[in-house]
Amino acid sequence: MLLTQLSLKNYRNYSSQEVTFANHVNIILGENAQGKTNLMEAIYVLAMAKSHRTANDKELIRWEEEYAKIEGRAMKRNGPLSLQLVVSKKGKKAKINHIEQRKLSQYIGHLPVVLFAPEDLYLVKGGPQVRRRFIDMEIGQISPVYMHDLSLYQKILQQRNHYLKALQTRQQRDETMLSVLTEQLVELAAKITLKRYEFLQLLQKWAEPIHHEISRGVENLSIRYHPSVDVSEKIELSRIVEAYSEKFVKIKEKEIERGLTLAGPHRDDLSFDVNGKDVQTFGSQGQQRTTALSVKLAEIELIFTETGDYPILLLDDVLSELDDFRQTHLLNAIRQKVQTFVTTTSIDGIEHDVIKEAAVYRVRSGQITQ
């Protein structure tokens, strides 16, 4: 997968910009607050139809403008690809090869990306919502059905929470509707849980040897999934449905009392263990960084295995966060294999052929020059 060209219109601090990229490593140089991260974000938004920095799409639109437009041309193993995403105050419109997509879930995944930024260290250190978002974004790139199921699950979850709140406050007394919503939620929860379980098994397969190598053979990484129901012995969909059904029967009164859905994928978490100990609680900062790096490199291989295309790698101000050994390992791993975008204020002191051979772009006040 290669992103060959990117065009921005009214995006953040870019009024109008078009840039052509090199096939391997593209370094985006500039001082802070000039637009480096905005450019990186634009590539991510083009791929994922949402930002990793904000949940408010209006922030993507340049001040006093009505819309922002991102267009990209890419080359996949099966031919050229044209993508367009328009963000306005009314919502988002996405096109693939000039054909508008009815649902964003049909759009996501055509331009696979892996983002590694300083905040990705919070994949290990942060709260469960950070890790759930990570799982959803990555599975969504290889499974459009998953994104559809997740979107539907969130809608039914909202309806169910609303009805539980009505039962809690005695605005409703009939529990028939709750049963209907629970049945719908269970079917989707089981599908999502199964897909997450399968994804994390694959991620573990790739991350474990990578982590072992980066740690110079002294650490073993394992990834553990913590869903609302035990799936270790129930990896068939019908058995997960059964487990969720039983769970909701048991917690029904408690849910009505709280006015809230207390089980399901929206409460999932995962953890990372190194040599049998939870890295979040017992790991050093170095171990946490090695874990995050291993997971990101594993994502690259997993996406390639599942789609046949290597994803684009976005390294947003992250090289300075890694020591020389981890930095070298990362650069060796992407050499001649993955198209990579690197933002940094300086490349001084990075003595590596990958950096020396890279295309360099400078960003100043929302203008990019090569």
Protein backbone atom coordinates (compact mmCIF):
# COMPACT_ATOMS: atom_id res chain seq x y z
CA MET A 1 0.00 0.00 0.00
CA LEU A 2 1.38 3.39 -1.03
CA LEU A 3 -0.16 6.82 -0.50
CA THR A 4 1.17 8.70 -3.51
CA GLN A 5 -0.67 12.02 -3.24
CA LEU A 6 -2.62 13.99 -0.63
CA SER A 7 -4.74 17.11 -1.11
CA LEU A 8 -6.12 19.22 1.73
CA LYS A 9 -8.72 21.96 1.59
CA ASN A 10 -9.70 23.98 4.69
CA TYR A 11 -8.21 21.33 6.96
CA ARG A 12 -7.04 22.65 10.36
CA ASN A 13 -4.33 25.25 9.53
CA TYR A 14 -4.10 24.21 5.84
CA SER A 15 -6.11 26.41 3.50
CA SER A 16 -5.11 24.54 0.33
CA GLN A 17 -2.27 22.07 -0.05
CA GLU A 18 -1.28 19.27 -2.40
CA VAL A 19 1.73 17.05 -1.81
CA THR A 20 3.25 14.00 -3.52
CA PHE A 21 4.98 11.38 -1.38
CA ALA A 22 7.89 8.98 -1.81
CA ASN A 23 7.38 5.22 -1.73
CA HIS A 24 9.36 4.47 1.40
CA VAL A 25 10.07 6.95 4.21
CA ASN A 26 8.72 10.52 4.25
CA ILE A 27 10.04 12.81 6.98
CA ILE A 28 7.89 15.82 7.91
CA LEU A 29 10.16 18.42 9.56
CA GLY A 30 9.07 21.56 11.32
CA GLU A 31 8.81 23.47 14.55
CA ASN A 32 5.90 22.85 16.89
CA ALA A 33 2.45 24.28 15.98
CA GLN A 34 3.28 24.60 12.26
CA GLY A 35 1.09 21.74 11.00
CA LYS A 36 3.18 18.53 11.17
CA THR A 37 0.73 16.61 13.33
CA ASN A 38 -2.21 18.09 11.40
CA LEU A 39 -0.79 16.53 8.23
CA MET A 40 -0.37 13.18 9.96
CA GLU A 41 -3.87 13.43 11.37
CA ALA A 42 -5.25 14.18 7.89
CA ILE A 43 -3.81 10.90 6.56
CA TYR A 44 -5.33 9.05 9.52
CA VAL A 45 -8.73 10.72 9.02
CA LEU A 46 -8.64 9.90 5.30
CA ALA A 47 -8.13 6.26 6.27
CA MET A 48 -10.38 5.93 9.31
CA ALA A 49 -13.01 8.67 8.75
CA LYS A 50 -12.32 9.93 12.28
CA SER A 51 -9.51 11.65 14.14
CA HIS A 52 -7.30 10.08 16.79
CA ARG A 53 -6.98 13.50 18.46
CA THR A 54 -10.57 14.69 18.84
CA ALA A 55 -14.09 13.32 18.85
CA ASN A 56 -15.41 16.67 17.60
CA ASP A 57 -15.25 16.65 13.78
CA LYS A 58 -15.88 20.40 13.65
CA GLU A 59 -12.36 20.96 15.00
CA LEU A 60 -10.99 19.55 11.73
CA ILE A 61 -12.51 22.43 9.73
CA ARG A 62 -10.37 25.53 9.24
CA TRP A 63 -11.55 28.56 11.20
CA GLU A 64 -14.56 30.31 9.63
CA GLU A 65 -14.87 27.76 6.79
CA GLU A 66 -17.90 25.56 6.10
CA TYR A 67 -16.15 22.28 5.35
CA ALA A 68 -12.82 20.44 5.21
CA LYS A 69 -11.87 18.14 2.35
CA ILE A 70 -9.16 15.47 2.24
CA GLU A 71 -8.36 13.63 -0.97
CA GLY A 72 -5.81 10.91 -1.49
CA ARG A 73 -4.46 8.78 -4.27
CA ALA A 74 -3.01 5.41 -3.36
CA MET A 75 -1.64 2.31 -5.01
CA LYS A 76 -2.71 -1.11 -3.73
CA ARG A 77 -1.53 -4.51 -4.94
CA ASN A 78 -4.70 -4.80 -7.06
CA GLY A 79 -4.53 -1.32 -8.61
CA PRO A 80 -4.96 2.44 -7.99
CA LEU A 81 -7.31 3.82 -5.37
CA SER A 82 -8.89 7.26 -5.02
CA LEU A 83 -10.36 8.37 -1.69
CA GLN A 84 -12.21 11.51 -0.68
CA LEU A 85 -13.61 12.57 2.68
CA VAL A 86 -15.57 15.79 3.20
CA VAL A 87 -16.26 16.93 6.76
CA SER A 88 -18.91 19.59 7.25
CA LYS A 89 -21.08 20.80 10.11
CA LYS A 90 -23.81 18.47 8.76
CA GLY A 91 -21.66 15.35 8.88
CA LYS A 92 -19.25 13.37 6.70
CA LYS A 93 -19.35 12.18 3.10
CA ALA A 94 -16.91 9.58 1.82
CA LYS A 95 -16.08 8.49 -1.71
CA ILE A 96 -14.10 5.53 -3.01
CA ASN A 97 -12.97 5.89 -6.64
CA HIS A 98 -15.47 8.80 -6.98
CA ILE A 99 -18.43 6.69 -5.78
CA GLU A 100 -20.15 7.94 -2.62
CA GLN A 101 -20.42 5.35 0.16
CA ARG A 102 -23.74 4.97 1.95
CA LYS A 103 -22.07 3.93 5.19
CA LEU A 104 -18.71 4.87 6.65
CA SER A 105 -18.24 1.22 7.68
CA GLN A 106 -17.99 0.43 3.94
CA TYR A 107 -15.28 3.07 3.54
CA ILE A 108 -12.96 2.20 6.44
CA GLY A 109 -10.24 -0.34 5.66
CA HIS A 110 -9.50 0.65 2.07
CA LEU A 111 -6.42 2.58 3.22
CA PRO A 112 -5.00 0.58 6.16
CA VAL A 113 -2.87 2.62 8.57
CA VAL A 114 -0.97 2.01 11.78
CA LEU A 115 -0.40 5.09 13.92
CA PHE A 116 2.30 5.25 16.58
CA ALA A 117 2.35 8.46 18.61
CA PRO A 118 3.51 9.32 22.15
CA GLU A 119 -0.08 8.92 23.39
CA ASP A 120 0.00 5.30 22.23
CA LEU A 121 2.03 4.58 25.34
CA TYR A 122 -1.35 4.99 27.03
CA LEU A 123 -2.36 1.77 25.29
CA VAL A 124 -0.49 0.18 28.17
CA LYS A 125 -0.80 2.88 30.85
CA GLY A 126 -4.23 4.36 30.09
CA GLY A 127 -7.80 3.35 30.90
CA PRO A 128 -9.90 0.56 29.34
CA GLN A 129 -11.55 2.94 26.84
CA VAL A 130 -8.13 3.56 25.21
CA ARG A 131 -7.62 -0.16 24.67
CA ARG A 132 -11.20 -0.73 23.46
CA ARG A 133 -10.74 2.04 20.89
CA PHE A 134 -7.47 0.45 19.77
CA ILE A 135 -9.15 -2.94 19.26
CA ASP A 136 -12.11 -1.43 17.39
CA MET A 137 -9.98 0.70 15.07
CA GLU A 138 -7.68 -2.17 14.14
CA ILE A 139 -10.37 -4.82 13.63
CA GLY A 140 -12.41 -2.28 11.66
CA GLN A 141 -9.62 -2.03 9.09
CA ILE A 142 -9.74 -5.74 8.31
CA SER A 143 -13.45 -6.42 8.87
CA PRO A 144 -16.15 -4.00 7.61
CA VAL A 145 -18.79 -6.33 9.12
CA TYR A 146 -17.29 -5.71 12.55
CA MET A 147 -17.72 -1.93 12.19
CA HIS A 148 -21.34 -2.43 11.13
CA ASP A 149 -22.04 -4.71 14.12
CA LEU A 150 -20.28 -2.33 16.51
CA SER A 151 -22.26 0.67 15.24
CA LEU A 152 -25.53 -1.24 15.62
CA TYR A 153 -24.51 -2.45 19.08
CA GLN A 154 -23.87 1.12 20.24
CA LYS A 155 -27.30 2.24 19.01
CA ILE A 156 -29.10 -0.60 20.79
CA LEU A 157 -26.98 -0.05 23.90
CA GLN A 158 -28.12 3.58 23.96
CA GLN A 159 -31.77 2.54 23.60
CA ARG A 160 -31.39 -0.10 26.31
CA ASN A 161 -29.75 2.34 28.72
CA HIS A 162 -32.55 4.82 28.06
CA TYR A 163 -35.18 2.16 28.83
CA LEU A 164 -33.34 0.97 31.96
CA LYS A 165 -33.29 4.56 33.18
CA ALA A 166 -37.07 4.78 32.56
CA LEU A 167 -37.59 1.57 34.57
CA GLN A 168 -35.36 2.90 37.34
CA THR A 169 -37.38 6.12 37.64
CA ARG A 170 -40.71 4.23 37.24
CA GLN A 171 -41.56 6.10 34.04
CA GLN A 172 -41.89 2.62 32.56
CA ARG A 173 -43.08 -0.54 34.31
CA ASP A 174 -43.43 -3.00 31.41
CA GLU A 175 -40.20 -5.04 31.03
CA THR A 176 -41.19 -6.60 27.68
CA MET A 177 -39.28 -3.97 25.72
CA LEU A 178 -36.22 -4.57 27.90
CA SER A 179 -36.31 -8.26 26.96
CA VAL A 180 -36.46 -7.41 23.25
CA LEU A 181 -33.54 -4.98 23.49
CA THR A 182 -31.55 -7.46 25.57
CA GLU A 183 -32.03 -10.19 22.96
CA GLN A 184 -30.83 -7.85 20.18
CA LEU A 185 -27.88 -6.69 22.29
CA VAL A 186 -26.82 -10.25 23.14
CA GLU A 187 -26.58 -11.32 19.48
CA LEU A 188 -24.35 -8.36 18.60
CA ALA A 189 -22.32 -8.56 21.82
CA ALA A 190 -21.48 -12.19 21.06
CA LYS A 191 -20.31 -11.38 17.51
CA ILE A 192 -18.14 -8.49 18.71
CA THR A 193 -16.67 -10.52 21.59
CA LEU A 194 -15.80 -13.44 19.32
CA LYS A 195 -14.13 -11.15 16.77
CA ARG A 196 -12.12 -9.39 19.48
CA TYR A 197 -11.03 -12.73 20.92
CA GLU A 198 -9.88 -13.97 17.51
CA PHE A 199 -8.10 -10.68 16.73
CA LEU A 200 -6.19 -10.66 20.02
CA GLN A 201 -5.12 -14.28 19.47
CA LEU A 202 -3.61 -13.22 16.13
CA LEU A 203 -2.03 -10.10 17.66
CA GLN A 204 -0.45 -12.24 20.38
CA LYS A 205 1.01 -14.54 17.72
CA TRP A 206 2.83 -11.64 16.05
CA ALA A 207 3.66 -9.50 19.10
CA GLU A 208 5.26 -12.21 21.23
CA PRO A 209 8.33 -12.92 19.02
CA ILE A 210 8.77 -9.20 18.21
CA HIS A 211 8.80 -8.31 21.91
CA HIS A 212 11.19 -11.18 22.65
CA GLU A 213 13.63 -9.81 20.06
CA ILE A 214 13.39 -6.16 21.15
CA SER A 215 13.96 -7.19 24.78
CA ARG A 216 17.10 -9.08 23.67
CA GLY A 217 15.50 -12.41 24.47
CA VAL A 218 14.84 -11.81 28.19
CA GLU A 219 11.11 -10.95 28.14
CA ASN A 220 7.98 -12.82 27.08
CA LEU A 221 4.85 -10.84 26.26
CA SER A 222 1.30 -12.15 26.55
CA ILE A 223 -1.93 -10.31 25.77
CA ARG A 224 -4.98 -11.13 27.88
CA TYR A 225 -8.58 -10.31 26.94
CA HIS A 226 -11.06 -9.42 29.69
CA PRO A 227 -14.64 -9.58 28.33
CA SER A 228 -17.85 -9.54 30.38
CA VAL A 229 -18.26 -13.30 29.91
CA ASP A 230 -15.66 -16.05 29.93
CA VAL A 231 -14.84 -16.98 26.33
CA SER A 232 -11.74 -19.09 26.87
CA GLU A 233 -13.77 -22.29 26.72
CA LYS A 234 -16.67 -20.88 24.68
CA ILE A 235 -15.22 -19.68 21.41
CA GLU A 236 -18.24 -20.75 19.38
CA LEU A 237 -20.72 -17.95 18.70
CA SER A 238 -23.74 -19.91 20.01
CA ARG A 239 -21.98 -20.56 23.34
CA ILE A 240 -21.06 -16.90 23.75
CA VAL A 241 -24.71 -15.94 23.06
CA GLU A 242 -25.74 -18.41 25.76
CA ALA A 243 -23.18 -17.00 28.22
CA TYR A 244 -24.39 -13.42 27.65
CA SER A 245 -28.05 -14.45 27.98
CA GLU A 246 -27.32 -16.07 31.34
CA LYS A 247 -25.32 -13.04 32.45
CA PHE A 248 -28.15 -10.58 31.72
CA VAL A 249 -30.69 -12.73 33.58
CA LYS A 250 -28.43 -12.65 36.67
CA ILE A 251 -27.83 -8.88 36.63
CA LYS A 252 -31.27 -7.74 35.49
CA GLU A 253 -32.43 -6.32 38.85
CA LYS A 254 -29.08 -4.65 39.44
CA GLU A 255 -29.23 -3.01 36.00
CA ILE A 256 -32.73 -1.64 36.64
CA GLU A 257 -31.57 -0.37 40.02
CA ARG A 258 -28.59 1.40 38.39
CA GLY A 259 -30.40 2.40 35.16
CA LEU A 260 -27.42 1.18 33.15
CA THR A 261 -26.23 -1.78 31.04
CA LEU A 262 -23.59 -3.47 33.20
CA ALA A 263 -22.22 -6.09 30.79
CA GLY A 264 -21.11 -6.21 27.19
CA PRO A 265 -18.25 -5.22 24.88
CA HIS A 266 -18.50 -1.58 25.99
CA ARG A 267 -17.00 -2.73 29.31
CA ASP A 268 -14.24 -4.96 27.90
CA ASP A 269 -10.55 -4.53 28.64
CA LEU A 270 -7.25 -6.20 27.84
CA SER A 271 -3.92 -6.36 29.63
CA PHE A 272 -0.31 -6.96 28.73
CA ASP A 273 1.86 -9.27 30.81
CA VAL A 274 5.65 -9.43 30.64
CA ASN A 275 7.19 -12.50 32.23
CA GLY A 276 3.86 -13.13 33.95
CA LYS A 277 3.47 -9.64 35.47
CA ASP A 278 1.02 -6.92 34.42
CA VAL A 279 3.07 -4.24 32.63
CA GLN A 280 0.59 -1.48 33.54
CA THR A 281 1.05 -2.11 37.27
CA PHE A 282 4.53 -3.60 37.60
CA GLY A 283 6.35 -2.70 34.37
CA SER A 284 9.07 -0.09 34.07
CA GLN A 285 8.67 2.76 31.59
CA GLY A 286 11.09 0.93 29.29
CA GLN A 287 8.98 -2.25 29.41
CA GLN A 288 5.82 -0.25 28.73
CA ARG A 289 7.45 1.36 25.68
CA THR A 290 8.75 -1.98 24.41
CA THR A 291 5.25 -3.43 24.79
CA ALA A 292 3.64 -0.55 22.87
CA LEU A 293 6.26 -0.79 20.11
CA SER A 294 5.87 -4.58 19.85
CA VAL A 295 2.09 -4.27 19.52
CA LYS A 296 2.41 -1.60 16.80
CA LEU A 297 4.91 -3.67 14.79
CA ALA A 298 2.66 -6.71 15.25
CA GLU A 299 -0.28 -4.73 13.83
CA ILE A 300 1.68 -4.15 10.63
CA GLU A 301 2.27 -7.87 10.08
CA LEU A 302 -1.27 -8.80 11.11
CA ILE A 303 -2.86 -6.36 8.63
CA PHE A 304 -0.57 -7.62 5.86
CA THR A 305 -1.51 -11.23 6.62
CA GLU A 306 -5.23 -10.46 6.62
CA THR A 307 -5.41 -8.08 3.64
CA GLY A 308 -2.37 -8.77 1.47
CA ASP A 309 -1.30 -5.10 1.69
CA TYR A 310 1.13 -3.60 4.17
CA PRO A 311 -0.49 -0.66 5.99
CA ILE A 312 0.91 2.86 5.93
CA LEU A 313 2.86 3.59 9.12
CA LEU A 314 2.46 6.98 10.81
CA LEU A 315 5.15 7.83 13.36
CA ASP A 316 3.99 11.09 14.92
CA ASP A 317 6.82 12.59 16.98
CA VAL A 318 7.63 9.18 18.41
CA LEU A 319 11.29 8.58 17.45
CA SER A 320 12.46 10.99 20.15
CA GLU A 321 10.48 8.95 22.69
CA LEU A 322 12.48 5.77 21.94
CA ASP A 323 16.06 5.01 22.97
CA ASP A 324 18.66 4.22 20.30
CA PHE A 325 18.13 0.44 20.44
CA ARG A 326 14.33 0.58 20.09
CA GLN A 327 14.66 3.30 17.46
CA THR A 328 17.04 1.15 15.41
CA HIS A 329 14.79 -1.90 15.74
CA LEU A 330 11.79 0.08 14.52
CA LEU A 331 13.66 1.53 11.53
CA ASN A 332 15.08 -1.88 10.60
CA ALA A 333 11.60 -3.41 10.74
CA ILE A 334 10.14 -0.94 8.23
CA ARG A 335 13.11 -0.82 5.83
CA GLN A 336 12.02 -1.26 2.19
CA LYS A 337 8.73 -2.75 3.35
CA VAL A 338 6.29 -0.20 4.76
CA GLN A 339 5.61 3.31 3.48
CA THR A 340 6.26 5.45 6.54
CA PHE A 341 5.55 9.04 7.55
CA VAL A 342 7.68 10.51 10.34
CA THR A 343 7.05 13.87 12.00
CA THR A 344 9.87 15.40 14.01
CA THR A 345 11.43 18.75 14.86
CA SER A 346 14.90 17.45 13.96
CA ILE A 347 16.64 14.39 12.52
CA ASP A 348 20.02 15.38 13.95
CA GLY A 349 21.61 12.51 15.82
CA ILE A 350 19.61 9.74 14.10
CA GLU A 351 22.35 7.81 12.34
CA HIS A 352 20.40 5.30 10.29
CA ASP A 353 20.34 4.61 6.54
CA VAL A 354 16.51 4.67 6.51
CA ILE A 355 16.54 8.30 7.67
CA LYS A 356 19.43 9.30 5.40
CA GLU A 357 17.62 7.91 2.34
CA ALA A 358 14.22 9.42 3.20
CA ALA A 359 12.33 12.15 1.35
CA VAL A 360 12.25 15.26 3.54
CA TYR A 361 9.41 17.83 3.66
CA ARG A 362 9.37 21.03 5.66
CA VAL A 363 6.22 22.46 7.21
CA ARG A 364 5.87 26.11 8.12
CA SER A 365 2.59 27.92 8.87
CA GLY A 366 0.46 25.34 7.06
CA GLN A 367 2.66 25.20 3.95
CA ILE A 368 4.61 22.10 2.90
CA THR A 369 7.75 22.23 0.77
CA GLN A 370 10.01 19.36 -0.27
